[in-house]
Amino acid sequence: MIVKSVAMQAYQNALKIQSDAQGKIASNFKKPAAAQGGFMDALKGNLEKVNDLQNEKSSLATSFAAGKDHNVHELMITLQKAGLAMSMTSAVRSKIMQSYQELTKLQF
């Protein structure tokens, strides 16, 4: 009788631990939030970042040329970042234009 009640108690404890673990796992998987913005908002945000990089590049180059700043490494890193951002923006623009041209060719 005692063995039976101990076994039953262990079984109930195991079930409780399992259900608690499943509850924790289920709470970790939340539904994704609705999209806050669309493609246009993402594109505008990224274009603003690229513009900020270009402005930073311009101000650092002007400062270096004027002799105010002697940090060549920071200038070169900023130039590379701005150049890479601009080339990526150009590539995205080309893909968008290519997609638009493909859509205009579709017949409905």
C-alpha atoms as a PDB file:
ATOM      1  CA  MET A   1       0.000   0.000   0.000  1.00  0.00           C
ATOM      2  CA  ILE A   2       2.791   2.416   0.927  1.00  0.00           C
ATOM      3  CA  VAL A   3       4.694   1.613  -2.257  1.00  0.00           C
ATOM      4  CA  LYS A   4       1.560   2.274  -4.273  1.00  0.00           C
ATOM      5  CA  SER A   5       1.007   5.718  -2.703  1.00  0.00           C
ATOM      6  CA  VAL A   6       4.705   6.662  -3.130  1.00  0.00           C
ATOM      7  CA  ALA A   7       4.575   5.600  -6.765  1.00  0.00           C
ATOM      8  CA  MET A   8       1.355   7.552  -7.269  1.00  0.00           C
ATOM      9  CA  GLN A   9       2.882  10.635  -5.619  1.00  0.00           C
ATOM     10  CA  ALA A  10       5.983  10.369  -7.859  1.00  0.00           C
ATOM     11  CA  TYR A  11       3.778  10.007 -10.923  1.00  0.00           C
ATOM     12  CA  GLN A  12       1.741  13.097  -9.998  1.00  0.00           C
ATOM     13  CA  ASN A  13       4.918  15.080  -9.344  1.00  0.00           C
ATOM     14  CA  ALA A  14       6.297  14.060 -12.746  1.00  0.00           C
ATOM     15  CA  LEU A  15       3.046  15.124 -14.445  1.00  0.00           C
ATOM     16  CA  LYS A  16       3.145  18.475 -12.648  1.00  0.00           C
ATOM     17  CA  ILE A  17       6.767  19.078 -13.655  1.00  0.00           C
ATOM     18  CA  GLN A  18       5.974  18.160 -17.251  1.00  0.00           C
ATOM     19  CA  SER A  19       2.941  20.451 -17.443  1.00  0.00           C
ATOM     20  CA  ASP A  20       4.949  23.318 -15.899  1.00  0.00           C
ATOM     21  CA  ALA A  21       7.715  22.799 -18.456  1.00  0.00           C
ATOM     22  CA  GLN A  22       5.208  22.769 -21.320  1.00  0.00           C
ATOM     23  CA  GLY A  23       3.653  25.959 -20.003  1.00  0.00           C
ATOM     24  CA  LYS A  24       7.053  27.669 -19.930  1.00  0.00           C
ATOM     25  CA  ILE A  25       7.874  26.487 -23.433  1.00  0.00           C
ATOM     26  CA  ALA A  26       4.498  27.649 -24.728  1.00  0.00           C
ATOM     27  CA  SER A  27       4.968  31.072 -23.138  1.00  0.00           C
ATOM     28  CA  ASN A  28       8.324  31.430 -24.935  1.00  0.00           C
ATOM     29  CA  PHE A  29       6.619  31.021 -28.300  1.00  0.00           C
ATOM     30  CA  LYS A  30       4.605  34.176 -28.703  1.00  0.00           C
ATOM     31  CA  LYS A  31       2.848  35.234 -31.827  1.00  0.00           C
ATOM     32  CA  PRO A  32       4.901  37.630 -33.894  1.00  0.00           C
ATOM     33  CA  ALA A  33       3.866  41.230 -33.613  1.00  0.00           C
ATOM     34  CA  ALA A  34       2.083  42.765 -36.529  1.00  0.00           C
ATOM     35  CA  ALA A  35       4.340  44.545 -38.951  1.00  0.00           C
ATOM     36  CA  GLN A  36       4.890  48.069 -37.692  1.00  0.00           C
ATOM     37  CA  GLY A  37       5.602  49.519 -41.073  1.00  0.00           C
ATOM     38  CA  GLY A  38       5.788  48.484 -44.615  1.00  0.00           C
ATOM     39  CA  PHE A  39       8.421  48.310 -47.245  1.00  0.00           C
ATOM     40  CA  MET A  40       8.257  52.058 -47.782  1.00  0.00           C
ATOM     41  CA  ASP A  41       8.971  52.809 -44.110  1.00  0.00           C
ATOM     42  CA  ALA A  42      11.933  50.427 -44.085  1.00  0.00           C
ATOM     43  CA  LEU A  43      13.262  51.946 -47.282  1.00  0.00           C
ATOM     44  CA  LYS A  44      12.934  55.486 -45.925  1.00  0.00           C
ATOM     45  CA  GLY A  45      14.679  54.558 -42.691  1.00  0.00           C
ATOM     46  CA  ASN A  46      17.575  52.953 -44.512  1.00  0.00           C
ATOM     47  CA  LEU A  47      17.906  55.865 -46.914  1.00  0.00           C
ATOM     48  CA  GLU A  48      18.097  58.209 -43.937  1.00  0.00           C
ATOM     49  CA  LYS A  49      20.897  56.088 -42.451  1.00  0.00           C
ATOM     50  CA  VAL A  50      22.791  56.186 -45.751  1.00  0.00           C
ATOM     51  CA  ASN A  51      22.306  59.952 -45.881  1.00  0.00           C
ATOM     52  CA  ASP A  52      23.643  60.272 -42.326  1.00  0.00           C
ATOM     53  CA  LEU A  53      26.725  58.243 -43.289  1.00  0.00           C
ATOM     54  CA  GLN A  54      27.286  60.462 -46.323  1.00  0.00           C
ATOM     55  CA  ASN A  55      26.970  63.601 -44.188  1.00  0.00           C
ATOM     56  CA  GLU A  56      29.394  62.188 -41.617  1.00  0.00           C
ATOM     57  CA  LYS A  57      31.843  61.326 -44.405  1.00  0.00           C
ATOM     58  CA  SER A  58      31.604  64.829 -45.801  1.00  0.00           C
ATOM     59  CA  SER A  59      32.125  66.514 -42.451  1.00  0.00           C
ATOM     60  CA  LEU A  60      35.115  64.301 -41.565  1.00  0.00           C
ATOM     61  CA  ALA A  61      36.721  64.873 -44.978  1.00  0.00           C
ATOM     62  CA  THR A  62      36.225  68.636 -44.647  1.00  0.00           C
ATOM     63  CA  SER A  63      37.640  68.590 -41.128  1.00  0.00           C
ATOM     64  CA  PHE A  64      40.654  66.569 -42.260  1.00  0.00           C
ATOM     65  CA  ALA A  65      41.277  68.818 -45.261  1.00  0.00           C
ATOM     66  CA  ALA A  66      41.124  71.894 -43.025  1.00  0.00           C
ATOM     67  CA  GLY A  67      43.718  70.371 -40.711  1.00  0.00           C
ATOM     68  CA  LYS A  68      41.414  70.228 -37.705  1.00  0.00           C
ATOM     69  CA  ASP A  69      41.418  66.446 -37.451  1.00  0.00           C
ATOM     70  CA  HIS A  70      44.436  64.183 -37.923  1.00  0.00           C
ATOM     71  CA  ASN A  71      42.740  60.808 -37.424  1.00  0.00           C
ATOM     72  CA  VAL A  72      43.279  59.212 -40.838  1.00  0.00           C
ATOM     73  CA  HIS A  73      42.046  55.789 -39.703  1.00  0.00           C
ATOM     74  CA  GLU A  74      38.639  57.087 -38.641  1.00  0.00           C
ATOM     75  CA  LEU A  75      38.356  59.039 -41.893  1.00  0.00           C
ATOM     76  CA  MET A  76      39.166  55.974 -43.997  1.00  0.00           C
ATOM     77  CA  ILE A  77      36.752  53.769 -42.059  1.00  0.00           C
ATOM     78  CA  THR A  78      33.994  56.353 -42.481  1.00  0.00           C
ATOM     79  CA  LEU A  79      34.751  56.645 -46.199  1.00  0.00           C
ATOM     80  CA  GLN A  80      34.515  52.870 -46.590  1.00  0.00           C
ATOM     81  CA  LYS A  81      31.266  52.662 -44.617  1.00  0.00           C
ATOM     82  CA  ALA A  82      29.685  55.435 -46.672  1.00  0.00           C
ATOM     83  CA  GLY A  83      30.898  53.916 -49.935  1.00  0.00           C
ATOM     84  CA  LEU A  84      29.615  50.470 -49.036  1.00  0.00           C
ATOM     85  CA  ALA A  85      26.261  51.865 -47.923  1.00  0.00           C
ATOM     86  CA  MET A  86      25.922  53.787 -51.169  1.00  0.00           C
ATOM     87  CA  SER A  87      26.800  50.764 -53.317  1.00  0.00           C
ATOM     88  CA  MET A  88      24.303  48.624 -51.407  1.00  0.00           C
ATOM     89  CA  THR A  89      21.657  51.307 -51.867  1.00  0.00           C
ATOM     90  CA  SER A  90      22.430  51.405 -55.565  1.00  0.00           C
ATOM     91  CA  ALA A  91      22.118  47.613 -55.787  1.00  0.00           C
ATOM     92  CA  VAL A  92      18.762  47.681 -53.987  1.00  0.00           C
ATOM     93  CA  ARG A  93      17.576  50.474 -56.290  1.00  0.00           C
ATOM     94  CA  SER A  94      18.600  48.438 -59.337  1.00  0.00           C
ATOM     95  CA  LYS A  95      16.716  45.385 -58.056  1.00  0.00           C
ATOM     96  CA  ILE A  96      13.625  47.467 -57.343  1.00  0.00           C
ATOM     97  CA  MET A  97      13.717  48.969 -60.822  1.00  0.00           C
ATOM     98  CA  GLN A  98      14.252  45.544 -62.356  1.00  0.00           C
ATOM     99  CA  SER A  99      11.266  44.176 -60.406  1.00  0.00           C
ATOM    100  CA  TYR A 100       9.125  47.125 -61.449  1.00  0.00           C
ATOM    101  CA  GLN A 101      10.008  46.553 -65.104  1.00  0.00           C
ATOM    102  CA  GLU A 102       9.106  42.882 -64.760  1.00  0.00           C
ATOM    103  CA  LEU A 103       5.755  43.819 -63.237  1.00  0.00           C
ATOM    104  CA  THR A 104       4.975  46.241 -66.048  1.00  0.00           C
ATOM    105  CA  LYS A 105       5.618  43.443 -68.570  1.00  0.00           C
ATOM    106  CA  LEU A 106       2.973  41.211 -66.971  1.00  0.00           C
ATOM    107  CA  GLN A 107      -0.269  40.918 -68.867  1.00  0.00           C
ATOM    108  CA  PHE A 108      -3.519  40.632 -66.978  1.00  0.00           C
END
